[in-house]
C-alpha cells in the first residue's frame, strides 16, 4: 500500500488498515488519527510529523521507523516493536505503550506525560530531555535503569 492509496482510503472514511504492508513507506506529515494500524508492518517507514493521535498501532512493527515530531497522543502502542525507532520530539501523552519494545530507540525530547510505560524495554534508548511526568513506569526495563539526570519526570 502506498501513501496515495492510504490517503485516498482515509479520506473516503476508511480507518481499518490492520496488517497493512507499509515497509519503508513515505508517510511524512500524514493524518491518520483514529486509524487502526494494528499488526501493520511500518518498519523503516517515514512517519515524521504524522498525526497518529488516537490510532491503534498495537503489535505493529515500527522498527527503525522515523517518528520525529509525530503526534501519538492517546495512541495504543501496546506490544509494538519500536527497536531503533526515532521518536525525537514525538508527543506521546496518555499513549498506551504496555509491553512495547523501545530498545535502542531515540526518545530525545519526546513527551510521555501520563503515558503507560508499564513493562516497557528501554535498554539502550536515548532518553535525553524526555518528559516522563506522571508516566506509569512500573516494570520498565533499561540496561542502565531510568536516569533522572536528563529526564523530566514525576512518575511511579
N, C-alpha and C. Protein backbone atom coordinates (compact mmCIF):
# COMPACT_ATOMS: atom_id res chain seq x y z
N UNK A 1 0.85 -1.17 0.00
CA UNK A 1 0.00 0.00 0.00
C UNK A 1 0.90 1.24 0.00
N UNK A 2 0.61 2.20 -0.80
CA UNK A 2 1.40 3.42 -0.93
C UNK A 2 0.70 4.59 -0.25
N UNK A 3 1.44 5.69 -0.09
CA UNK A 3 0.93 6.87 0.59
C UNK A 3 -0.37 7.36 -0.05
N UNK A 4 -0.42 7.46 -1.37
CA UNK A 4 -1.62 7.95 -2.04
C UNK A 4 -2.82 7.05 -1.78
N UNK A 5 -2.60 5.74 -1.82
CA UNK A 5 -3.70 4.79 -1.56
C UNK A 5 -4.23 4.95 -0.14
N UNK A 6 -3.32 5.08 0.82
CA UNK A 6 -3.73 5.24 2.23
C UNK A 6 -4.51 6.54 2.39
N UNK A 7 -4.01 7.63 1.83
CA UNK A 7 -4.68 8.92 1.98
C UNK A 7 -6.05 8.93 1.32
N UNK A 8 -6.17 8.30 0.16
CA UNK A 8 -7.47 8.23 -0.51
C UNK A 8 -8.46 7.39 0.29
N UNK A 9 -8.00 6.25 0.78
CA UNK A 9 -8.87 5.39 1.59
C UNK A 9 -9.29 6.10 2.87
N UNK A 10 -8.35 6.79 3.51
CA UNK A 10 -8.65 7.52 4.74
C UNK A 10 -9.64 8.65 4.46
N UNK A 11 -9.43 9.37 3.37
CA UNK A 11 -10.32 10.48 3.00
C UNK A 11 -11.74 10.00 2.71
N UNK A 12 -11.85 8.75 2.23
CA UNK A 12 -13.19 8.22 1.95
C UNK A 12 -13.83 7.57 3.17
N UNK A 13 -13.18 7.70 4.31
CA UNK A 13 -13.76 7.21 5.56
C UNK A 13 -13.20 5.91 6.08
N UNK A 14 -12.34 5.27 5.35
CA UNK A 14 -11.76 4.01 5.83
C UNK A 14 -10.78 4.31 6.96
N UNK A 15 -10.87 3.52 8.02
CA UNK A 15 -9.96 3.66 9.16
C UNK A 15 -9.25 2.36 9.48
N UNK A 16 -9.64 1.27 8.85
CA UNK A 16 -9.08 -0.04 9.17
C UNK A 16 -7.97 -0.42 8.20
N UNK A 17 -6.74 -0.35 8.71
CA UNK A 17 -5.57 -0.71 7.92
C UNK A 17 -4.77 -1.80 8.65
N UNK A 18 -5.48 -2.69 9.31
CA UNK A 18 -4.84 -3.78 10.05
C UNK A 18 -3.93 -4.58 9.12
N UNK A 19 -2.76 -4.94 9.63
CA UNK A 19 -1.79 -5.78 8.93
C UNK A 19 -1.34 -5.18 7.60
N UNK A 20 -1.46 -3.88 7.43
CA UNK A 20 -1.02 -3.23 6.19
C UNK A 20 0.48 -3.39 6.02
N UNK A 21 0.91 -3.64 4.80
CA UNK A 21 2.33 -3.78 4.48
C UNK A 21 2.85 -2.41 4.03
N UNK A 22 3.50 -1.71 4.94
CA UNK A 22 3.96 -0.35 4.67
C UNK A 22 5.45 -0.20 4.97
N UNK A 23 6.20 -1.26 4.76
CA UNK A 23 7.64 -1.24 4.99
C UNK A 23 8.28 -0.15 4.13
N UNK A 24 9.06 0.71 4.75
CA UNK A 24 9.76 1.83 4.11
C UNK A 24 8.83 2.84 3.42
N UNK A 25 7.59 2.88 3.82
CA UNK A 25 6.63 3.81 3.21
C UNK A 25 6.95 5.25 3.59
N UNK A 26 6.72 6.16 2.66
CA UNK A 26 6.88 7.59 2.92
C UNK A 26 5.53 8.13 3.35
N UNK A 27 5.36 8.26 4.66
CA UNK A 27 4.10 8.74 5.21
C UNK A 27 4.32 10.03 6.02
N UNK A 28 5.31 10.79 5.61
CA UNK A 28 5.63 12.04 6.29
C UNK A 28 4.42 12.97 6.25
N UNK A 29 4.10 13.52 7.42
CA UNK A 29 3.02 14.50 7.60
C UNK A 29 1.62 13.98 7.31
N UNK A 30 1.40 12.68 7.25
CA UNK A 30 0.05 12.16 7.01
C UNK A 30 -0.83 12.35 8.24
N UNK A 31 -2.12 12.42 8.02
CA UNK A 31 -3.10 12.48 9.09
C UNK A 31 -3.84 11.15 9.11
N UNK A 32 -3.51 10.32 10.09
CA UNK A 32 -4.17 9.03 10.25
C UNK A 32 -4.70 8.89 11.67
N UNK A 33 -5.19 9.98 12.24
CA UNK A 33 -5.70 9.90 13.59
C UNK A 33 -6.90 8.95 13.64
N UNK A 34 -6.96 8.19 14.72
CA UNK A 34 -8.00 7.20 14.97
C UNK A 34 -7.95 6.00 14.01
N UNK A 35 -6.91 5.88 13.20
CA UNK A 35 -6.80 4.75 12.26
C UNK A 35 -6.40 3.48 13.01
N UNK A 36 -6.83 2.35 12.48
CA UNK A 36 -6.46 1.04 13.03
C UNK A 36 -5.31 0.48 12.18
N UNK A 37 -4.10 0.56 12.72
CA UNK A 37 -2.91 0.04 12.07
C UNK A 37 -2.32 -1.11 12.89
N UNK A 38 -3.17 -1.80 13.62
CA UNK A 38 -2.68 -2.90 14.46
C UNK A 38 -2.04 -3.98 13.59
N UNK A 39 -0.93 -4.49 14.07
CA UNK A 39 -0.16 -5.55 13.39
C UNK A 39 0.35 -5.15 12.01
N UNK A 40 0.38 -3.85 11.71
CA UNK A 40 0.90 -3.37 10.42
C UNK A 40 2.42 -3.43 10.42
N UNK A 41 3.00 -3.59 9.24
CA UNK A 41 4.45 -3.52 9.07
C UNK A 41 4.80 -2.11 8.61
N UNK A 42 5.28 -1.30 9.56
CA UNK A 42 5.70 0.06 9.28
C UNK A 42 7.20 0.20 9.53
N UNK A 43 7.91 -0.91 9.43
CA UNK A 43 9.35 -0.88 9.67
C UNK A 43 10.04 0.03 8.67
N UNK A 44 10.95 0.83 9.17
CA UNK A 44 11.72 1.79 8.37
C UNK A 44 10.85 2.80 7.62
N UNK A 45 9.62 2.98 8.03
CA UNK A 45 8.72 3.96 7.39
C UNK A 45 9.04 5.37 7.89
N UNK A 46 8.78 6.36 7.06
CA UNK A 46 8.93 7.76 7.44
C UNK A 46 7.56 8.27 7.87
N UNK A 47 7.38 8.40 9.18
CA UNK A 47 6.15 8.91 9.76
C UNK A 47 6.42 10.23 10.49
N UNK A 48 7.48 10.90 10.09
CA UNK A 48 7.83 12.16 10.76
C UNK A 48 6.70 13.17 10.56
N UNK A 49 6.39 13.89 11.63
CA UNK A 49 5.34 14.91 11.64
C UNK A 49 3.95 14.35 11.34
N UNK A 50 3.77 13.04 11.42
CA UNK A 50 2.46 12.42 11.17
C UNK A 50 1.53 12.62 12.36
N UNK A 51 0.24 12.70 12.09
CA UNK A 51 -0.77 12.76 13.14
C UNK A 51 -1.38 11.37 13.29
N UNK A 52 -0.96 10.68 14.34
CA UNK A 52 -1.46 9.33 14.64
C UNK A 52 -2.15 9.33 16.00
N UNK A 53 -2.65 10.49 16.40
CA UNK A 53 -3.30 10.57 17.71
C UNK A 53 -4.53 9.65 17.74
N UNK A 54 -4.65 8.92 18.82
CA UNK A 54 -5.78 8.01 18.99
C UNK A 54 -5.74 6.78 18.10
N UNK A 55 -4.67 6.61 17.34
CA UNK A 55 -4.58 5.45 16.43
C UNK A 55 -4.28 4.17 17.20
N UNK A 56 -4.70 3.04 16.64
CA UNK A 56 -4.38 1.73 17.20
C UNK A 56 -3.20 1.16 16.42
N UNK A 57 -2.04 1.14 17.07
CA UNK A 57 -0.82 0.59 16.47
C UNK A 57 -0.35 -0.63 17.25
N UNK A 58 -1.25 -1.24 18.01
CA UNK A 58 -0.86 -2.38 18.83
C UNK A 58 -0.27 -3.50 17.97
N UNK A 59 0.80 -4.08 18.46
CA UNK A 59 1.52 -5.19 17.82
C UNK A 59 2.07 -4.84 16.43
N UNK A 60 2.16 -3.54 16.12
CA UNK A 60 2.73 -3.13 14.83
C UNK A 60 4.25 -3.21 14.88
N UNK A 61 4.86 -3.35 13.71
CA UNK A 61 6.31 -3.33 13.60
C UNK A 61 6.73 -1.95 13.12
N UNK A 62 7.29 -1.16 14.04
CA UNK A 62 7.78 0.17 13.74
C UNK A 62 9.29 0.24 13.95
N UNK A 63 9.96 -0.89 13.81
CA UNK A 63 11.41 -0.90 14.00
C UNK A 63 12.07 0.01 12.97
N UNK A 64 13.01 0.81 13.45
CA UNK A 64 13.77 1.76 12.63
C UNK A 64 12.91 2.78 11.91
N UNK A 65 11.68 2.98 12.35
CA UNK A 65 10.80 3.98 11.74
C UNK A 65 11.20 5.38 12.21
N UNK A 66 10.93 6.37 11.37
CA UNK A 66 11.17 7.77 11.73
C UNK A 66 9.85 8.38 12.17
N UNK A 67 9.72 8.60 13.47
CA UNK A 67 8.52 9.20 14.05
C UNK A 67 8.85 10.56 14.67
N UNK A 68 9.86 11.22 14.11
CA UNK A 68 10.27 12.53 14.61
C UNK A 68 9.10 13.50 14.60
N UNK A 69 8.84 14.11 15.75
CA UNK A 69 7.77 15.09 15.92
C UNK A 69 6.38 14.57 15.55
N UNK A 70 6.18 13.27 15.60
CA UNK A 70 4.86 12.68 15.33
C UNK A 70 3.94 12.91 16.52
N UNK A 71 2.65 13.00 16.25
CA UNK A 71 1.63 13.13 17.29
C UNK A 71 1.01 11.76 17.53
N UNK A 72 1.36 11.16 18.67
CA UNK A 72 0.87 9.84 19.03
C UNK A 72 0.09 9.90 20.34
N UNK A 73 -0.45 11.07 20.65
CA UNK A 73 -1.20 11.21 21.90
C UNK A 73 -2.41 10.27 21.91
N UNK A 74 -2.57 9.61 23.03
CA UNK A 74 -3.68 8.67 23.26
C UNK A 74 -3.69 7.50 22.29
N UNK A 75 -2.58 7.23 21.62
CA UNK A 75 -2.49 6.09 20.70
C UNK A 75 -2.27 4.80 21.49
N UNK A 76 -2.72 3.69 20.92
CA UNK A 76 -2.46 2.37 21.50
C UNK A 76 -1.22 1.80 20.83
N UNK A 77 -0.13 1.77 21.58
CA UNK A 77 1.15 1.24 21.11
C UNK A 77 1.54 0.03 21.93
N UNK A 78 0.56 -0.68 22.44
CA UNK A 78 0.86 -1.86 23.26
C UNK A 78 1.50 -2.96 22.41
N UNK A 79 2.52 -3.57 22.97
CA UNK A 79 3.24 -4.68 22.34
C UNK A 79 3.83 -4.31 20.98
N UNK A 80 4.10 -3.03 20.77
CA UNK A 80 4.66 -2.57 19.50
C UNK A 80 6.18 -2.73 19.49
N UNK A 81 6.73 -2.96 18.29
CA UNK A 81 8.17 -3.06 18.11
C UNK A 81 8.67 -1.70 17.63
N UNK A 82 9.37 -0.99 18.53
CA UNK A 82 9.95 0.31 18.20
C UNK A 82 11.47 0.25 18.32
N UNK A 83 12.05 -0.92 18.11
CA UNK A 83 13.50 -1.07 18.22
C UNK A 83 14.18 -0.16 17.20
N UNK A 84 15.08 0.71 17.68
CA UNK A 84 15.84 1.59 16.80
C UNK A 84 15.04 2.71 16.18
N UNK A 85 13.79 2.89 16.58
CA UNK A 85 12.96 3.96 16.01
C UNK A 85 13.40 5.32 16.53
N UNK A 86 13.16 6.35 15.73
CA UNK A 86 13.46 7.72 16.14
C UNK A 86 12.16 8.43 16.49
N UNK A 87 11.99 8.69 17.79
CA UNK A 87 10.80 9.39 18.28
C UNK A 87 11.17 10.75 18.85
N UNK A 88 12.23 11.36 18.34
CA UNK A 88 12.66 12.67 18.83
C UNK A 88 11.52 13.68 18.69
N UNK A 89 11.21 14.33 19.80
CA UNK A 89 10.18 15.36 19.79
C UNK A 89 8.76 14.85 19.62
N UNK A 90 8.57 13.55 19.65
CA UNK A 90 7.22 12.98 19.48
C UNK A 90 6.35 13.28 20.70
N UNK A 91 5.06 13.43 20.45
CA UNK A 91 4.09 13.67 21.51
C UNK A 91 3.37 12.35 21.79
N UNK A 92 3.60 11.79 22.99
CA UNK A 92 3.02 10.51 23.35
C UNK A 92 2.19 10.60 24.64
N UNK A 93 1.67 11.77 24.94
CA UNK A 93 0.86 11.96 26.14
C UNK A 93 -0.33 11.00 26.15
N UNK A 94 -0.50 10.35 27.28
CA UNK A 94 -1.60 9.40 27.51
C UNK A 94 -1.60 8.21 26.56
N UNK A 95 -0.50 7.97 25.85
CA UNK A 95 -0.41 6.80 24.98
C UNK A 95 -0.22 5.54 25.81
N UNK A 96 -0.69 4.42 25.29
CA UNK A 96 -0.52 3.14 25.95
C UNK A 96 0.61 2.38 25.27
N UNK A 97 1.74 2.25 25.98
CA UNK A 97 2.90 1.53 25.44
C UNK A 97 3.16 0.26 26.24
N UNK A 98 2.14 -0.34 26.81
CA UNK A 98 2.28 -1.55 27.62
C UNK A 98 3.05 -2.61 26.83
N UNK A 99 4.14 -3.08 27.40
CA UNK A 99 4.99 -4.12 26.83
C UNK A 99 5.59 -3.75 25.47
N UNK A 100 5.77 -2.46 25.22
CA UNK A 100 6.41 -2.01 23.98
C UNK A 100 7.92 -2.26 24.07
N UNK A 101 8.53 -2.51 22.93
CA UNK A 101 9.97 -2.73 22.86
C UNK A 101 10.62 -1.48 22.26
N UNK A 102 11.27 -0.71 23.12
CA UNK A 102 11.90 0.55 22.73
C UNK A 102 13.43 0.45 22.81
N UNK A 103 13.96 -0.76 22.68
CA UNK A 103 15.42 -0.91 22.75
C UNK A 103 16.09 -0.07 21.67
N UNK A 104 17.11 0.66 22.08
CA UNK A 104 17.92 1.49 21.18
C UNK A 104 17.12 2.56 20.45
N UNK A 105 15.95 2.89 20.94
CA UNK A 105 15.14 3.95 20.33
C UNK A 105 15.69 5.33 20.72
N UNK A 106 15.49 6.29 19.85
CA UNK A 106 15.89 7.67 20.13
C UNK A 106 14.65 8.40 20.62
N UNK A 107 14.65 8.76 21.90
CA UNK A 107 13.49 9.38 22.52
C UNK A 107 13.78 10.81 22.96
N UNK A 108 14.79 11.42 22.37
CA UNK A 108 15.21 12.76 22.73
C UNK A 108 14.05 13.75 22.64
N UNK A 109 13.81 14.43 23.76
CA UNK A 109 12.77 15.46 23.85
C UNK A 109 11.35 14.95 23.58
N UNK A 110 11.14 13.65 23.64
CA UNK A 110 9.78 13.10 23.49
C UNK A 110 8.97 13.39 24.75
N UNK A 111 7.67 13.53 24.59
CA UNK A 111 6.78 13.84 25.72
C UNK A 111 5.87 12.64 26.00
N UNK A 112 6.13 11.98 27.13
CA UNK A 112 5.36 10.82 27.55
C UNK A 112 4.45 11.16 28.73
N UNK A 113 4.04 12.40 28.87
CA UNK A 113 3.22 12.81 30.00
C UNK A 113 1.97 11.93 30.10
N UNK A 114 1.82 11.27 31.25
CA UNK A 114 0.64 10.45 31.50
C UNK A 114 0.58 9.15 30.71
N UNK A 115 1.66 8.79 30.02
CA UNK A 115 1.66 7.56 29.20
C UNK A 115 1.84 6.33 30.07
N UNK A 116 1.34 5.20 29.58
CA UNK A 116 1.53 3.92 30.24
C UNK A 116 2.77 3.25 29.65
N UNK A 117 3.84 3.19 30.44
CA UNK A 117 5.09 2.56 30.01
C UNK A 117 5.35 1.31 30.85
N UNK A 118 4.28 0.70 31.31
CA UNK A 118 4.42 -0.50 32.13
C UNK A 118 5.01 -1.64 31.32
N UNK A 119 6.04 -2.26 31.89
CA UNK A 119 6.69 -3.43 31.30
C UNK A 119 7.33 -3.13 29.93
N UNK A 120 7.81 -1.89 29.75
CA UNK A 120 8.47 -1.46 28.51
C UNK A 120 9.96 -1.75 28.61
N UNK A 121 10.58 -2.11 27.49
CA UNK A 121 12.03 -2.32 27.45
C UNK A 121 12.68 -1.08 26.84
N UNK A 122 13.43 -0.36 27.67
CA UNK A 122 14.11 0.87 27.25
C UNK A 122 15.62 0.67 27.15
N UNK A 123 16.07 -0.56 27.08
CA UNK A 123 17.51 -0.84 27.04
C UNK A 123 18.17 -0.12 25.87
N UNK A 124 19.20 0.65 26.17
CA UNK A 124 19.95 1.35 25.14
C UNK A 124 19.24 2.54 24.53
N UNK A 125 18.07 2.89 25.03
CA UNK A 125 17.32 4.02 24.47
C UNK A 125 17.93 5.35 24.93
N UNK A 126 17.88 6.35 24.07
CA UNK A 126 18.35 7.69 24.39
C UNK A 126 17.17 8.48 24.95
N UNK A 127 17.23 8.74 26.26
CA UNK A 127 16.15 9.43 26.95
C UNK A 127 16.47 10.89 27.22
N UNK A 128 17.45 11.46 26.54
CA UNK A 128 17.86 12.84 26.78
C UNK A 128 16.69 13.80 26.59
N UNK A 129 16.38 14.55 27.63
CA UNK A 129 15.33 15.55 27.55
C UNK A 129 13.92 14.99 27.52
N UNK A 130 13.77 13.69 27.70
CA UNK A 130 12.45 13.07 27.65
C UNK A 130 11.60 13.47 28.85
N UNK A 131 10.33 13.77 28.61
CA UNK A 131 9.40 14.14 29.67
C UNK A 131 8.57 12.91 30.03
N UNK A 132 8.79 12.43 31.26
CA UNK A 132 8.06 11.25 31.75
C UNK A 132 7.15 11.61 32.93
N UNK A 133 6.75 12.88 33.02
CA UNK A 133 5.88 13.30 34.12
C UNK A 133 4.60 12.49 34.12
N UNK A 134 4.27 12.00 35.27
CA UNK A 134 3.07 11.20 35.54
C UNK A 134 2.98 9.93 34.68
N UNK A 135 4.07 9.54 34.04
CA UNK A 135 4.06 8.29 33.25
C UNK A 135 4.12 7.10 34.20
N UNK A 136 3.45 6.04 33.84
CA UNK A 136 3.48 4.78 34.59
C UNK A 136 4.70 3.99 34.13
N UNK A 137 5.67 3.81 35.04
CA UNK A 137 6.93 3.17 34.68
C UNK A 137 7.16 1.85 35.40
N UNK A 138 6.14 1.27 36.02
CA UNK A 138 6.38 0.03 36.75
C UNK A 138 6.84 -1.07 35.80
N UNK A 139 7.85 -1.77 36.23
CA UNK A 139 8.47 -2.88 35.50
C UNK A 139 9.15 -2.45 34.21
N UNK A 140 9.37 -1.14 34.02
CA UNK A 140 10.11 -0.68 32.84
C UNK A 140 11.55 -1.14 32.97
N UNK A 141 12.09 -1.75 31.93
CA UNK A 141 13.44 -2.29 31.95
C UNK A 141 14.37 -1.40 31.14
N UNK A 142 15.57 -1.22 31.68
CA UNK A 142 16.60 -0.48 30.99
C UNK A 142 17.94 -1.05 31.39
N UNK A 143 18.86 -1.14 30.46
CA UNK A 143 20.16 -1.70 30.78
C UNK A 143 20.89 -0.88 31.83
N UNK A 144 20.57 0.40 31.95
CA UNK A 144 21.23 1.26 32.93
C UNK A 144 20.23 1.86 33.91
N UNK A 145 19.02 1.40 33.92
CA UNK A 145 17.99 2.00 34.75
C UNK A 145 17.50 3.27 34.09
N UNK A 146 16.41 3.81 34.55
CA UNK A 146 15.90 5.05 34.00
C UNK A 146 16.57 6.18 34.78
N UNK A 147 17.41 6.94 34.12
CA UNK A 147 18.17 8.00 34.76
C UNK A 147 17.34 9.27 34.86
N UNK A 148 17.38 9.89 36.03
CA UNK A 148 16.68 11.15 36.20
C UNK A 148 17.53 12.34 35.78
N UNK A 149 18.78 12.11 35.42
CA UNK A 149 19.70 13.20 35.12
C UNK A 149 19.20 14.07 33.97
N UNK A 150 18.78 13.46 32.88
CA UNK A 150 18.37 14.22 31.71
C UNK A 150 16.89 14.04 31.40
N UNK A 151 16.18 13.45 32.34
CA UNK A 151 14.78 13.14 32.11
C UNK A 151 13.93 13.93 33.09
N UNK A 152 12.86 14.53 32.61
CA UNK A 152 11.92 15.23 33.46
C UNK A 152 10.80 14.26 33.81
N UNK A 153 10.61 14.01 35.09
CA UNK A 153 9.57 13.05 35.44
C UNK A 153 9.09 13.22 36.86
N UNK A 154 7.93 12.70 37.11
CA UNK A 154 7.41 12.56 38.46
C UNK A 154 6.58 11.29 38.47
N UNK A 155 7.04 10.30 37.71
CA UNK A 155 6.32 9.04 37.55
C UNK A 155 6.44 8.13 38.73
N UNK A 156 5.85 6.96 38.60
CA UNK A 156 5.82 5.97 39.67
C UNK A 156 7.02 5.06 39.59
